[in-house]
Amino acid sequence: MKKFLFSFTYAFKGLQYAFRTQLNFKVHSISALSAIALGYWLNIGKHDWLWIFLAIGLVLTAELFNTALEVLVDLVSPEYHPKAGVVKDVSAAAVLITALLSIAIGMMVFLPKLF
């Protein structure tokens, strides 16, 4: 059990690394907090909260995977290599698609409440 609980320290180290070194992770985190604040202000329902938290979780998870892939690519390919660039570009595209999905979810949840 002690080993299991200690494993959480690695996860928190990963979150700390991402927040400390990745501007996009900070932007997504601030956006997440803004969405949560807006949800409270608009008093959205339980089902809307599920969509908002799903969107937040997906974007932050995608950003963490993107960060992990970038660090790994830099480790195995310190010099520029076209395939290394493709890996970084594709992982960034995954974050972009997830972020666009979260914007669509946010609009579907928040816009009817605002207007």
PDB file of N, CA and C in Angstrom:
ATOM      1  N   MET A   1       0.826  -1.193   0.000  1.00  0.00           N
ATOM      2  CA  MET A   1       0.000   0.000   0.000  1.00  0.00           C
ATOM      3  C   MET A   1       0.873   1.261   0.000  1.00  0.00           C
ATOM      4  N   LYS A   2       1.980   1.196   0.732  1.00  0.00           N
ATOM      5  CA  LYS A   2       2.878   2.343   0.795  1.00  0.00           C
ATOM      6  C   LYS A   2       3.448   2.648  -0.588  1.00  0.00           C
ATOM      7  N   LYS A   3       3.790   1.598  -1.331  1.00  0.00           N
ATOM      8  CA  LYS A   3       4.334   1.764  -2.678  1.00  0.00           C
ATOM      9  C   LYS A   3       3.284   2.394  -3.599  1.00  0.00           C
ATOM     10  N   PHE A   4       2.041   1.946  -3.451  1.00  0.00           N
ATOM     11  CA  PHE A   4       0.946   2.496  -4.245  1.00  0.00           C
ATOM     12  C   PHE A   4       0.768   3.986  -3.962  1.00  0.00           C
ATOM     13  N   LEU A   5       0.712   4.370  -2.713  1.00  0.00           N
ATOM     14  CA  LEU A   5       0.534   5.771  -2.350  1.00  0.00           C
ATOM     15  C   LEU A   5       1.727   6.615  -2.803  1.00  0.00           C
ATOM     16  N   PHE A   6       2.926   6.047  -2.718  1.00  0.00           N
ATOM     17  CA  PHE A   6       4.119   6.779  -3.139  1.00  0.00           C
ATOM     18  C   PHE A   6       4.104   7.050  -4.636  1.00  0.00           C
ATOM     19  N   SER A   7       3.439   6.169  -5.406  1.00  0.00           N
ATOM     20  CA  SER A   7       3.384   6.363  -6.853  1.00  0.00           C
ATOM     21  C   SER A   7       2.681   7.662  -7.229  1.00  0.00           C
ATOM     22  N   PHE A   8       1.811   8.158  -6.373  1.00  0.00           N
ATOM     23  CA  PHE A   8       1.139   9.420  -6.651  1.00  0.00           C
ATOM     24  C   PHE A   8       2.123  10.591  -6.679  1.00  0.00           C
ATOM     25  N   THR A   9       3.227  10.475  -5.953  1.00  0.00           N
ATOM     26  CA  THR A   9       4.202  11.563  -5.962  1.00  0.00           C
ATOM     27  C   THR A   9       4.784  11.757  -7.362  1.00  0.00           C
ATOM     28  N   TYR A  10       4.930  10.658  -8.118  1.00  0.00           N
ATOM     29  CA  TYR A  10       5.431  10.777  -9.483  1.00  0.00           C
ATOM     30  C   TYR A  10       4.426  11.520 -10.364  1.00  0.00           C
ATOM     31  N   ALA A  11       3.169  11.202 -10.172  1.00  0.00           N
ATOM     32  CA  ALA A  11       2.135  11.886 -10.957  1.00  0.00           C
ATOM     33  C   ALA A  11       2.116  13.383 -10.644  1.00  0.00           C
ATOM     34  N   PHE A  12       2.230  13.715  -9.374  1.00  0.00           N
ATOM     35  CA  PHE A  12       2.238  15.135  -9.016  1.00  0.00           C
ATOM     36  C   PHE A  12       3.505  15.831  -9.502  1.00  0.00           C
ATOM     37  N   LYS A  13       4.620  15.104  -9.546  1.00  0.00           N
ATOM     38  CA  LYS A  13       5.840  15.671 -10.122  1.00  0.00           C
ATOM     39  C   LYS A  13       5.634  15.968 -11.602  1.00  0.00           C
ATOM     40  N   GLY A  14       4.922  15.082 -12.294  1.00  0.00           N
ATOM     41  CA  GLY A  14       4.620  15.308 -13.705  1.00  0.00           C
ATOM     42  C   GLY A  14       3.735  16.523 -13.910  1.00  0.00           C
ATOM     43  N   LEU A  15       2.718  16.674 -13.080  1.00  0.00           N
ATOM     44  CA  LEU A  15       1.862  17.864 -13.164  1.00  0.00           C
ATOM     45  C   LEU A  15       2.662  19.132 -12.878  1.00  0.00           C
ATOM     46  N   GLN A  16       3.502  19.066 -11.872  1.00  0.00           N
ATOM     47  CA  GLN A  16       4.334  20.215 -11.524  1.00  0.00           C
ATOM     48  C   GLN A  16       5.270  20.573 -12.674  1.00  0.00           C
ATOM     49  N   TYR A  17       5.882  19.571 -13.292  1.00  0.00           N
ATOM     50  CA  TYR A  17       6.772  19.822 -14.419  1.00  0.00           C
ATOM     51  C   TYR A  17       6.013  20.495 -15.561  1.00  0.00           C
ATOM     52  N   ALA A  18       4.855  19.954 -15.899  1.00  0.00           N
ATOM     53  CA  ALA A  18       4.068  20.509 -17.007  1.00  0.00           C
ATOM     54  C   ALA A  18       3.665  21.950 -16.706  1.00  0.00           C
ATOM     55  N   PHE A  19       3.207  22.206 -15.493  1.00  0.00           N
ATOM     56  CA  PHE A  19       2.764  23.556 -15.155  1.00  0.00           C
ATOM     57  C   PHE A  19       3.936  24.532 -15.127  1.00  0.00           C
ATOM     58  N   ARG A  20       5.082  24.060 -14.652  1.00  0.00           N
ATOM     59  CA  ARG A  20       6.251  24.926 -14.537  1.00  0.00           C
ATOM     60  C   ARG A  20       6.896  25.231 -15.882  1.00  0.00           C
ATOM     61  N   THR A  21       6.858  24.276 -16.827  1.00  0.00           N
ATOM     62  CA  THR A  21       7.640  24.432 -18.049  1.00  0.00           C
ATOM     63  C   THR A  21       6.816  24.662 -19.314  1.00  0.00           C
ATOM     64  N   GLN A  22       5.526  24.401 -19.273  1.00  0.00           N
ATOM     65  CA  GLN A  22       4.722  24.448 -20.495  1.00  0.00           C
ATOM     66  C   GLN A  22       3.705  25.583 -20.440  1.00  0.00           C
ATOM     67  N   LEU A  23       3.916  26.590 -21.262  1.00  0.00           N
ATOM     68  CA  LEU A  23       2.994  27.722 -21.306  1.00  0.00           C
ATOM     69  C   LEU A  23       1.580  27.278 -21.663  1.00  0.00           C
ATOM     70  N   ASN A  24       1.458  26.368 -22.632  1.00  0.00           N
ATOM     71  CA  ASN A  24       0.128  25.921 -23.041  1.00  0.00           C
ATOM     72  C   ASN A  24      -0.613  25.210 -21.906  1.00  0.00           C
ATOM     73  N   PHE A  25       0.107  24.468 -21.072  1.00  0.00           N
ATOM     74  CA  PHE A  25      -0.542  23.810 -19.933  1.00  0.00           C
ATOM     75  C   PHE A  25      -1.082  24.854 -18.961  1.00  0.00           C
ATOM     76  N   LYS A  26      -0.327  25.928 -18.769  1.00  0.00           N
ATOM     77  CA  LYS A  26      -0.806  27.008 -17.908  1.00  0.00           C
ATOM     78  C   LYS A  26      -2.054  27.655 -18.510  1.00  0.00           C
ATOM     79  N   VAL A  27      -2.025  27.906 -19.817  1.00  0.00           N
ATOM     80  CA  VAL A  27      -3.177  28.524 -20.491  1.00  0.00           C
ATOM     81  C   VAL A  27      -4.400  27.624 -20.368  1.00  0.00           C
ATOM     82  N   HIS A  28      -4.224  26.327 -20.607  1.00  0.00           N
ATOM     83  CA  HIS A  28      -5.344  25.403 -20.495  1.00  0.00           C
ATOM     84  C   HIS A  28      -5.845  25.312 -19.054  1.00  0.00           C
ATOM     85  N   SER A  29      -4.952  25.370 -18.087  1.00  0.00           N
ATOM     86  CA  SER A  29      -5.361  25.327 -16.680  1.00  0.00           C
ATOM     87  C   SER A  29      -6.169  26.559 -16.304  1.00  0.00           C
ATOM     88  N   ILE A  30      -5.726  27.723 -16.755  1.00  0.00           N
ATOM     89  CA  ILE A  30      -6.467  28.955 -16.484  1.00  0.00           C
ATOM     90  C   ILE A  30      -7.825  28.925 -17.189  1.00  0.00           C
ATOM     91  N   SER A  31      -7.854  28.403 -18.405  1.00  0.00           N
ATOM     92  CA  SER A  31      -9.123  28.259 -19.123  1.00  0.00           C
ATOM     93  C   SER A  31     -10.057  27.314 -18.376  1.00  0.00           C
ATOM     94  N   ALA A  32      -9.522  26.241 -17.831  1.00  0.00           N
ATOM     95  CA  ALA A  32     -10.329  25.289 -17.063  1.00  0.00           C
ATOM     96  C   ALA A  32     -10.933  25.963 -15.833  1.00  0.00           C
ATOM     97  N   LEU A  33     -10.109  26.707 -15.109  1.00  0.00           N
ATOM     98  CA  LEU A  33     -10.617  27.415 -13.933  1.00  0.00           C
ATOM     99  C   LEU A  33     -11.669  28.452 -14.323  1.00  0.00           C
ATOM    100  N   SER A  34     -11.475  29.102 -15.459  1.00  0.00           N
ATOM    101  CA  SER A  34     -12.458  30.075 -15.945  1.00  0.00           C
ATOM    102  C   SER A  34     -13.781  29.400 -16.287  1.00  0.00           C
ATOM    103  N   ALA A  35     -13.705  28.236 -16.917  1.00  0.00           N
ATOM    104  CA  ALA A  35     -14.924  27.491 -17.256  1.00  0.00           C
ATOM    105  C   ALA A  35     -15.651  27.048 -15.997  1.00  0.00           C
ATOM    106  N   ILE A  36     -14.905  26.618 -15.006  1.00  0.00           N
ATOM    107  CA  ILE A  36     -15.522  26.207 -13.741  1.00  0.00           C
ATOM    108  C   ILE A  36     -16.192  27.406 -13.073  1.00  0.00           C
ATOM    109  N   ALA A  37     -15.506  28.535 -13.045  1.00  0.00           N
ATOM    110  CA  ALA A  37     -16.087  29.747 -12.445  1.00  0.00           C
ATOM    111  C   ALA A  37     -17.352  30.172 -13.191  1.00  0.00           C
ATOM    112  N   LEU A  38     -17.310  30.129 -14.526  1.00  0.00           N
ATOM    113  CA  LEU A  38     -18.477  30.492 -15.318  1.00  0.00           C
ATOM    114  C   LEU A  38     -19.630  29.524 -15.068  1.00  0.00           C
ATOM    115  N   GLY A  39     -19.307  28.249 -14.939  1.00  0.00           N
ATOM    116  CA  GLY A  39     -20.336  27.253 -14.642  1.00  0.00           C
ATOM    117  C   GLY A  39     -21.018  27.515 -13.312  1.00  0.00           C
ATOM    118  N   TYR A  40     -20.235  27.877 -12.300  1.00  0.00           N
ATOM    119  CA  TYR A  40     -20.834  28.226 -11.005  1.00  0.00           C
ATOM    120  C   TYR A  40     -21.679  29.488 -11.119  1.00  0.00           C
ATOM    121  N   TRP A  41     -21.167  30.477 -11.821  1.00  0.00           N
ATOM    122  CA  TRP A  41     -21.879  31.747 -11.975  1.00  0.00           C
ATOM    123  C   TRP A  41     -23.210  31.549 -12.703  1.00  0.00           C
ATOM    124  N   LEU A  42     -23.198  30.693 -13.718  1.00  0.00           N
ATOM    125  CA  LEU A  42     -24.420  30.445 -14.490  1.00  0.00           C
ATOM    126  C   LEU A  42     -25.292  29.354 -13.880  1.00  0.00           C
ATOM    127  N   ASN A  43     -24.788  28.723 -12.809  1.00  0.00           N
ATOM    128  CA  ASN A  43     -25.546  27.678 -12.117  1.00  0.00           C
ATOM    129  C   ASN A  43     -25.974  26.568 -13.087  1.00  0.00           C
ATOM    130  N   ILE A  44     -25.012  26.029 -13.818  1.00  0.00           N
ATOM    131  CA  ILE A  44     -25.327  24.998 -14.797  1.00  0.00           C
ATOM    132  C   ILE A  44     -25.711  23.699 -14.086  1.00  0.00           C
ATOM    133  N   GLY A  45     -26.422  22.833 -14.791  1.00  0.00           N
ATOM    134  CA  GLY A  45     -26.908  21.581 -14.220  1.00  0.00           C
ATOM    135  C   GLY A  45     -25.853  20.491 -14.173  1.00  0.00           C
ATOM    136  N   LYS A  46     -26.238  19.382 -13.542  1.00  0.00           N
ATOM    137  CA  LYS A  46     -25.327  18.258 -13.330  1.00  0.00           C
ATOM    138  C   LYS A  46     -24.804  17.689 -14.654  1.00  0.00           C
ATOM    139  N   HIS A  47     -25.670  17.539 -15.635  1.00  0.00           N
ATOM    140  CA  HIS A  47     -25.235  16.981 -16.913  1.00  0.00           C
ATOM    141  C   HIS A  47     -24.285  17.924 -17.645  1.00  0.00           C
ATOM    142  N   ASP A  48     -24.522  19.222 -17.536  1.00  0.00           N
ATOM    143  CA  ASP A  48     -23.602  20.188 -18.134  1.00  0.00           C
ATOM    144  C   ASP A  48     -22.236  20.125 -17.457  1.00  0.00           C
ATOM    145  N   TRP A  49     -22.220  19.943 -16.131  1.00  0.00           N
ATOM    146  CA  TRP A  49     -20.950  19.811 -15.414  1.00  0.00           C
ATOM    147  C   TRP A  49     -20.166  18.602 -15.918  1.00  0.00           C
ATOM    148  N   LEU A  50     -20.876  17.523 -16.203  1.00  0.00           N
ATOM    149  CA  LEU A  50     -20.188  16.336 -16.722  1.00  0.00           C
ATOM    150  C   LEU A  50     -19.470  16.658 -18.035  1.00  0.00           C
ATOM    151  N   TRP A  51     -20.137  17.383 -18.923  1.00  0.00           N
ATOM    152  CA  TRP A  51     -19.523  17.759 -20.198  1.00  0.00           C
ATOM    153  C   TRP A  51     -18.329  18.691 -19.991  1.00  0.00           C
ATOM    154  N   ILE A  52     -18.485  19.651 -19.079  1.00  0.00           N
ATOM    155  CA  ILE A  52     -17.396  20.607 -18.825  1.00  0.00           C
ATOM    156  C   ILE A  52     -16.180  19.881 -18.247  1.00  0.00           C
ATOM    157  N   PHE A  53     -16.410  19.016 -17.257  1.00  0.00           N
ATOM    158  CA  PHE A  53     -15.281  18.299 -16.659  1.00  0.00           C
ATOM    159  C   PHE A  53     -14.656  17.308 -17.633  1.00  0.00           C
ATOM    160  N   LEU A  54     -15.460  16.705 -18.499  1.00  0.00           N
ATOM    161  CA  LEU A  54     -14.908  15.832 -19.525  1.00  0.00           C
ATOM    162  C   LEU A  54     -14.003  16.624 -20.474  1.00  0.00           C
ATOM    163  N   ALA A  55     -14.475  17.778 -20.903  1.00  0.00           N
ATOM    164  CA  ALA A  55     -13.678  18.611 -21.807  1.00  0.00           C
ATOM    165  C   ALA A  55     -12.369  19.043 -21.142  1.00  0.00           C
ATOM    166  N   ILE A  56     -12.452  19.481 -19.899  1.00  0.00           N
ATOM    167  CA  ILE A  56     -11.250  19.899 -19.173  1.00  0.00           C
ATOM    168  C   ILE A  56     -10.276  18.734 -19.052  1.00  0.00           C
ATOM    169  N   GLY A  57     -10.783  17.587 -18.650  1.00  0.00           N
ATOM    170  CA  GLY A  57      -9.922  16.417 -18.481  1.00  0.00           C
ATOM    171  C   GLY A  57      -9.256  15.993 -19.777  1.00  0.00           C
ATOM    172  N   LEU A  58     -10.014  16.025 -20.868  1.00  0.00           N
ATOM    173  CA  LEU A  58      -9.446  15.630 -22.155  1.00  0.00           C
ATOM    174  C   LEU A  58      -8.344  16.583 -22.602  1.00  0.00           C
ATOM    175  N   VAL A  59      -8.574  17.875 -22.462  1.00  0.00           N
ATOM    176  CA  VAL A  59      -7.569  18.847 -22.907  1.00  0.00           C
ATOM    177  C   VAL A  59      -6.296  18.744 -22.062  1.00  0.00           C
ATOM    178  N   LEU A  60      -6.454  18.686 -20.752  1.00  0.00           N
ATOM    179  CA  LEU A  60      -5.268  18.604 -19.898  1.00  0.00           C
ATOM    180  C   LEU A  60      -4.513  17.293 -20.120  1.00  0.00           C
ATOM    181  N   THR A  61      -5.243  16.203 -20.326  1.00  0.00           N
ATOM    182  CA  THR A  61      -4.607  14.922 -20.603  1.00  0.00           C
ATOM    183  C   THR A  61      -3.860  14.965 -21.941  1.00  0.00           C
ATOM    184  N   ALA A  62      -4.495  15.523 -22.961  1.00  0.00           N
ATOM    185  CA  ALA A  62      -3.834  15.644 -24.261  1.00  0.00           C
ATOM    186  C   ALA A  62      -2.572  16.485 -24.144  1.00  0.00           C
ATOM    187  N   GLU A  63      -2.641  17.563 -23.382  1.00  0.00           N
ATOM    188  CA  GLU A  63      -1.469  18.429 -23.207  1.00  0.00           C
ATOM    189  C   GLU A  63      -0.353  17.691 -22.467  1.00  0.00           C
ATOM    190  N   LEU A  64      -0.704  16.876 -21.484  1.00  0.00           N
ATOM    191  CA  LEU A  64       0.312  16.101 -20.766  1.00  0.00           C
ATOM    192  C   LEU A  64       0.967  15.068 -21.684  1.00  0.00           C
ATOM    193  N   PHE A  65       0.170  14.381 -22.499  1.00  0.00           N
ATOM    194  CA  PHE A  65       0.755  13.433 -23.451  1.00  0.00           C
ATOM    195  C   PHE A  65       1.644  14.153 -24.460  1.00  0.00           C
ATOM    196  N   ASN A  66       1.214  15.318 -24.908  1.00  0.00           N
ATOM    197  CA  ASN A  66       2.013  16.105 -25.841  1.00  0.00           C
ATOM    198  C   ASN A  66       3.360  16.477 -25.210  1.00  0.00           C
ATOM    199  N   THR A  67       3.333  16.902 -23.978  1.00  0.00           N
ATOM    200  CA  THR A  67       4.565  17.255 -23.276  1.00  0.00           C
ATOM    201  C   THR A  67       5.475  16.035 -23.143  1.00  0.00           C
ATOM    202  N   ALA A  68       4.899  14.898 -22.765  1.00  0.00           N
ATOM    203  CA  ALA A  68       5.695  13.680 -22.611  1.00  0.00           C
ATOM    204  C   ALA A  68       6.333  13.278 -23.940  1.00  0.00           C
ATOM    205  N   LEU A  69       5.569  13.356 -25.016  1.00  0.00           N
ATOM    206  CA  LEU A  69       6.121  12.999 -26.329  1.00  0.00           C
ATOM    207  C   LEU A  69       7.218  13.970 -26.749  1.00  0.00           C
ATOM    208  N   GLU A  70       7.025  15.252 -26.496  1.00  0.00           N
ATOM    209  CA  GLU A  70       8.060  16.231 -26.853  1.00  0.00           C
ATOM    210  C   GLU A  70       9.360  15.960 -26.102  1.00  0.00           C
ATOM    211  N   VAL A  71       9.254  15.672 -24.813  1.00  0.00           N
ATOM    212  CA  VAL A  71      10.454  15.392 -24.013  1.00  0.00           C
ATOM    213  C   VAL A  71      11.126  14.115 -24.511  1.00  0.00           C
ATOM    214  N   LEU A  72      10.340  13.099 -24.808  1.00  0.00           N
ATOM    215  CA  LEU A  72      10.895  11.848 -25.306  1.00  0.00           C
ATOM    216  C   LEU A  72      11.578  12.032 -26.660  1.00  0.00           C
ATOM    217  N   VAL A  73      10.943  12.769 -27.553  1.00  0.00           N
ATOM    218  CA  VAL A  73      11.534  13.015 -28.874  1.00  0.00           C
ATOM    219  C   VAL A  73      12.845  13.781 -28.720  1.00  0.00           C
ATOM    220  N   ASP A  74      12.861  14.775 -27.851  1.00  0.00           N
ATOM    221  CA  ASP A  74      14.101  15.529 -27.629  1.00  0.00           C
ATOM    222  C   ASP A  74      15.208  14.637 -27.064  1.00  0.00           C
ATOM    223  N   LEU A  75      14.820  13.645 -26.277  1.00  0.00           N
ATOM    224  CA  LEU A  75      15.804  12.729 -25.700  1.00  0.00           C
ATOM    225  C   LEU A  75      16.410  11.823 -26.769  1.00  0.00           C
ATOM    226  N   VAL A  76      15.557  11.238 -27.613  1.00  0.00           N
ATOM    227  CA  VAL A  76      16.056  10.258 -28.585  1.00  0.00           C
ATOM    228  C   VAL A  76      16.567  10.894 -29.866  1.00  0.00           C
ATOM    229  N   SER A  77      16.189  12.148 -30.104  1.00  0.00           N
ATOM    230  CA  SER A  77      16.627  12.821 -31.324  1.00  0.00           C
ATOM    231  C   SER A  77      16.994  14.269 -31.009  1.00  0.00           C
ATOM    232  N   PRO A  78      18.172  14.469 -30.369  1.00  0.00           N
ATOM    233  CA  PRO A  78      18.559  15.835 -29.980  1.00  0.00           C
ATOM    234  C   PRO A  78      18.722  16.782 -31.172  1.00  0.00           C
ATOM    235  N   GLU A  79      19.202  16.235 -32.294  1.00  0.00           N
ATOM    236  CA  GLU A  79      19.299  17.058 -33.495  1.00  0.00           C
ATOM    237  C   GLU A  79      17.985  16.956 -34.263  1.00  0.00           C
ATOM    238  N   TYR A  80      17.766  17.932 -35.138  1.00  0.00           N
ATOM    239  CA  TYR A  80      16.523  17.924 -35.912  1.00  0.00           C
ATOM    240  C   TYR A  80      16.471  16.707 -36.825  1.00  0.00           C
ATOM    241  N   HIS A  81      15.327  16.085 -36.825  1.00  0.00           N
ATOM    242  CA  HIS A  81      15.053  14.987 -37.752  1.00  0.00           C
ATOM    243  C   HIS A  81      13.609  15.164 -38.221  1.00  0.00           C
ATOM    244  N   PRO A  82      13.350  15.029 -39.522  1.00  0.00           N
ATOM    245  CA  PRO A  82      11.991  15.247 -40.029  1.00  0.00           C
ATOM    246  C   PRO A  82      10.937  14.388 -39.333  1.00  0.00           C
ATOM    247  N   LYS A  83      11.262  13.139 -39.038  1.00  0.00           N
ATOM    248  CA  LYS A  83      10.281  12.272 -38.373  1.00  0.00           C
ATOM    249  C   LYS A  83      10.034  12.713 -36.927  1.00  0.00           C
ATOM    250  N   ALA A  84      11.059  13.224 -36.272  1.00  0.00           N
ATOM    251  CA  ALA A  84      10.880  13.750 -34.922  1.00  0.00           C
ATOM    252  C   ALA A  84       9.940  14.958 -34.964  1.00  0.00           C
ATOM    253  N   GLY A  85      10.101  15.772 -35.994  1.00  0.00           N
ATOM    254  CA  GLY A  85       9.207  16.916 -36.169  1.00  0.00           C
ATOM    255  C   GLY A  85       7.773  16.485 -36.400  1.00  0.00           C
ATOM    256  N   VAL A  86       7.588  15.406 -37.159  1.00  0.00           N
ATOM    257  CA  VAL A  86       6.233  14.892 -37.406  1.00  0.00           C
ATOM    258  C   VAL A  86       5.593  14.433 -36.103  1.00  0.00           C
ATOM    259  N   VAL A  87       6.352  13.731 -35.266  1.00  0.00           N
ATOM    260  CA  VAL A  87       5.814  13.271 -33.979  1.00  0.00           C
ATOM    261  C   VAL A  87       5.339  14.461 -33.150  1.00  0.00           C
ATOM    262  N   LYS A  88       6.170  15.498 -33.083  1.00  0.00           N
ATOM    263  CA  LYS A  88       5.795  16.683 -32.309  1.00  0.00           C
ATOM    264  C   LYS A  88       4.585  17.384 -32.919  1.00  0.00           C
ATOM    265  N   ASP A  89       4.550  17.493 -34.244  1.00  0.00           N
ATOM    266  CA  ASP A  89       3.432  18.157 -34.912  1.00  0.00           C
ATOM    267  C   ASP A  89       2.120  17.404 -34.717  1.00  0.00           C
ATOM    268  N   VAL A  90       2.181  16.083 -34.828  1.00  0.00           N
ATOM    269  CA  VAL A  90       0.963  15.282 -34.683  1.00  0.00           C
ATOM    270  C   VAL A  90       0.456  15.333 -33.241  1.00  0.00           C
ATOM    271  N   SER A  91       1.356  15.287 -32.277  1.00  0.00           N
ATOM    272  CA  SER A  91       0.896  15.366 -30.885  1.00  0.00           C
ATOM    273  C   SER A  91       0.330  16.751 -30.575  1.00  0.00           C
ATOM    274  N   ALA A  92       0.894  17.785 -31.171  1.00  0.00           N
ATOM    275  CA  ALA A  92       0.329  19.130 -31.009  1.00  0.00           C
ATOM    276  C   ALA A  92      -1.038  19.225 -31.681  1.00  0.00           C
ATOM    277  N   ALA A  93      -1.199  18.551 -32.816  1.00  0.00           N
ATOM    278  CA  ALA A  93      -2.493  18.545 -33.509  1.00  0.00           C
ATOM    279  C   ALA A  93      -3.553  17.846 -32.657  1.00  0.00           C
ATOM    280  N   ALA A  94      -3.167  16.804 -31.931  1.00  0.00           N
ATOM    281  CA  ALA A  94      -4.113  16.123 -31.042  1.00  0.00           C
ATOM    282  C   ALA A  94      -4.611  17.066 -29.955  1.00  0.00           C
ATOM    283  N   VAL A  95      -3.707  17.878 -29.422  1.00  0.00           N
ATOM    284  CA  VAL A  95      -4.117  18.869 -28.421  1.00  0.00           C
ATOM    285  C   VAL A  95      -5.051  19.893 -29.055  1.00  0.00           C
ATOM    286  N   LEU A  96      -4.728  20.336 -30.257  1.00  0.00           N
ATOM    287  CA  LEU A  96      -5.565  21.315 -30.947  1.00  0.00           C
ATOM    288  C   LEU A  96      -6.982  20.787 -31.156  1.00  0.00           C
ATOM    289  N   ILE A  97      -7.088  19.564 -31.638  1.00  0.00           N
ATOM    290  CA  ILE A  97      -8.421  18.991 -31.872  1.00  0.00           C
ATOM    291  C   ILE A  97      -9.191  18.863 -30.557  1.00  0.00           C
ATOM    292  N   THR A  98      -8.514  18.435 -29.516  1.00  0.00           N
ATOM    293  CA  THR A  98      -9.165  18.316 -28.213  1.00  0.00           C
ATOM    294  C   THR A  98      -9.599  19.684 -27.691  1.00  0.00           C
ATOM    295  N   ALA A  99      -8.762  20.688 -27.874  1.00  0.00           N
ATOM    296  CA  ALA A  99      -9.112  22.042 -27.439  1.00  0.00           C
ATOM    297  C   ALA A  99     -10.299  22.584 -28.235  1.00  0.00           C
ATOM    298  N   LEU A 100     -10.326  22.317 -29.547  1.00  0.00           N
ATOM    299  CA  LEU A 100     -11.464  22.763 -30.358  1.00  0.00           C
ATOM    300  C   LEU A 100     -12.748  22.064 -29.921  1.00  0.00           C
ATOM    301  N   LEU A 101     -12.646  20.783 -29.596  1.00  0.00           N
ATOM    302  CA  LEU A 101     -13.806  20.056 -29.068  1.00  0.00           C
ATOM    303  C   LEU A 101     -14.287  20.688 -27.771  1.00  0.00           C
ATOM    304  N   SER A 102     -13.360  21.063 -26.911  1.00  0.00           N
ATOM    305  CA  SER A 102     -13.755  21.655 -25.628  1.00  0.00           C
ATOM    306  C   SER A 102     -14.403  23.022 -25.829  1.00  0.00           C
ATOM    307  N   ILE A 103     -13.941  23.753 -26.830  1.00  0.00           N
ATOM    308  CA  ILE A 103     -14.584  25.040 -27.142  1.00  0.00           C
ATOM    309  C   ILE A 103     -16.014  24.802 -27.609  1.00  0.00           C
ATOM    310  N   ALA A 104     -16.216  23.795 -28.455  1.00  0.00           N
ATOM    311  CA  ALA A 104     -17.565  23.476 -28.926  1.00  0.00           C
ATOM    312  C   ALA A 104     -18.457  23.066 -27.753  1.00  0.00           C
ATOM    313  N   ILE A 105     -17.931  22.242 -26.853  1.00  0.00           N
ATOM    314  CA  ILE A 105     -18.706  21.840 -25.675  1.00  0.00           C
ATOM    315  C   ILE A 105     -19.038  23.068 -24.827  1.00  0.00           C
ATOM    316  N   GLY A 106     -18.046  23.918 -24.598  1.00  0.00           N
ATOM    317  CA  GLY A 106     -18.277  25.128 -23.810  1.00  0.00           C
ATOM    318  C   GLY A 106     -19.339  26.023 -24.433  1.00  0.00           C
ATOM    319  N   MET A 107     -19.299  26.160 -25.739  1.00  0.00           N
ATOM    320  CA  MET A 107     -20.300  26.989 -26.406  1.00  0.00           C
ATOM    321  C   MET A 107     -21.704  26.376 -26.270  1.00  0.00           C
ATOM    322  N   MET A 108     -21.794  25.069 -26.397  1.00  0.00           N
ATOM    323  CA  MET A 108     -23.100  24.428 -26.299  1.00  0.00           C
ATOM    324  C   MET A 108     -23.647  24.495 -24.866  1.00  0.00           C
ATOM    325  N   VAL A 109     -22.778  24.494 -23.893  1.00  0.00           N
ATOM    326  CA  VAL A 109     -23.221  24.571 -22.506  1.00  0.00           C
ATOM    327  C   VAL A 109     -23.505  26.002 -22.086  1.00  0.00           C
ATOM    328  N   PHE A 110     -22.574  26.916 -22.416  1.00  0.00           N
ATOM    329  CA  PHE A 110     -22.644  28.269 -21.867  1.00  0.00           C
ATOM    330  C   PHE A 110     -23.473  29.258 -22.684  1.00  0.00           C
ATOM    331  N   LEU A 111     -23.406  29.184 -24.000  1.00  0.00           N
ATOM    332  CA  LEU A 111     -24.116  30.186 -24.811  1.00  0.00           C
ATOM    333  C   LEU A 111     -25.621  30.231 -24.567  1.00  0.00           C
ATOM    334  N   PRO A 112     -26.314  29.095 -24.474  1.00  0.00           N
ATOM    335  CA  PRO A 112     -27.751  29.194 -24.186  1.00  0.00           C
ATOM    336  C   PRO A 112     -28.055  29.837 -22.836  1.00  0.00           C
ATOM    337  N   LYS A 113     -27.155  29.668 -21.877  1.00  0.00           N
ATOM    338  CA  LYS A 113     -27.361  30.268 -20.555  1.00  0.00           C
ATOM    339  C   LYS A 113     -27.067  31.768 -20.573  1.00  0.00           C
ATOM    340  N   LEU A 114     -26.167  32.186 -21.455  1.00  0.00           N
ATOM    341  CA  LEU A 114     -25.790  33.596 -21.521  1.00  0.00           C
ATOM    342  C   LEU A 114     -26.786  34.421 -22.327  1.00  0.00           C
ATOM    343  N   PHE A 115     -27.470  33.785 -23.304  1.00  0.00           N
ATOM    344  CA  PHE A 115     -28.370  34.554 -24.165  1.00  0.00           C
ATOM    345  C   PHE A 115     -29.789  34.071 -24.069  1.00  0.00           C
TER     346      PHE A 115
END
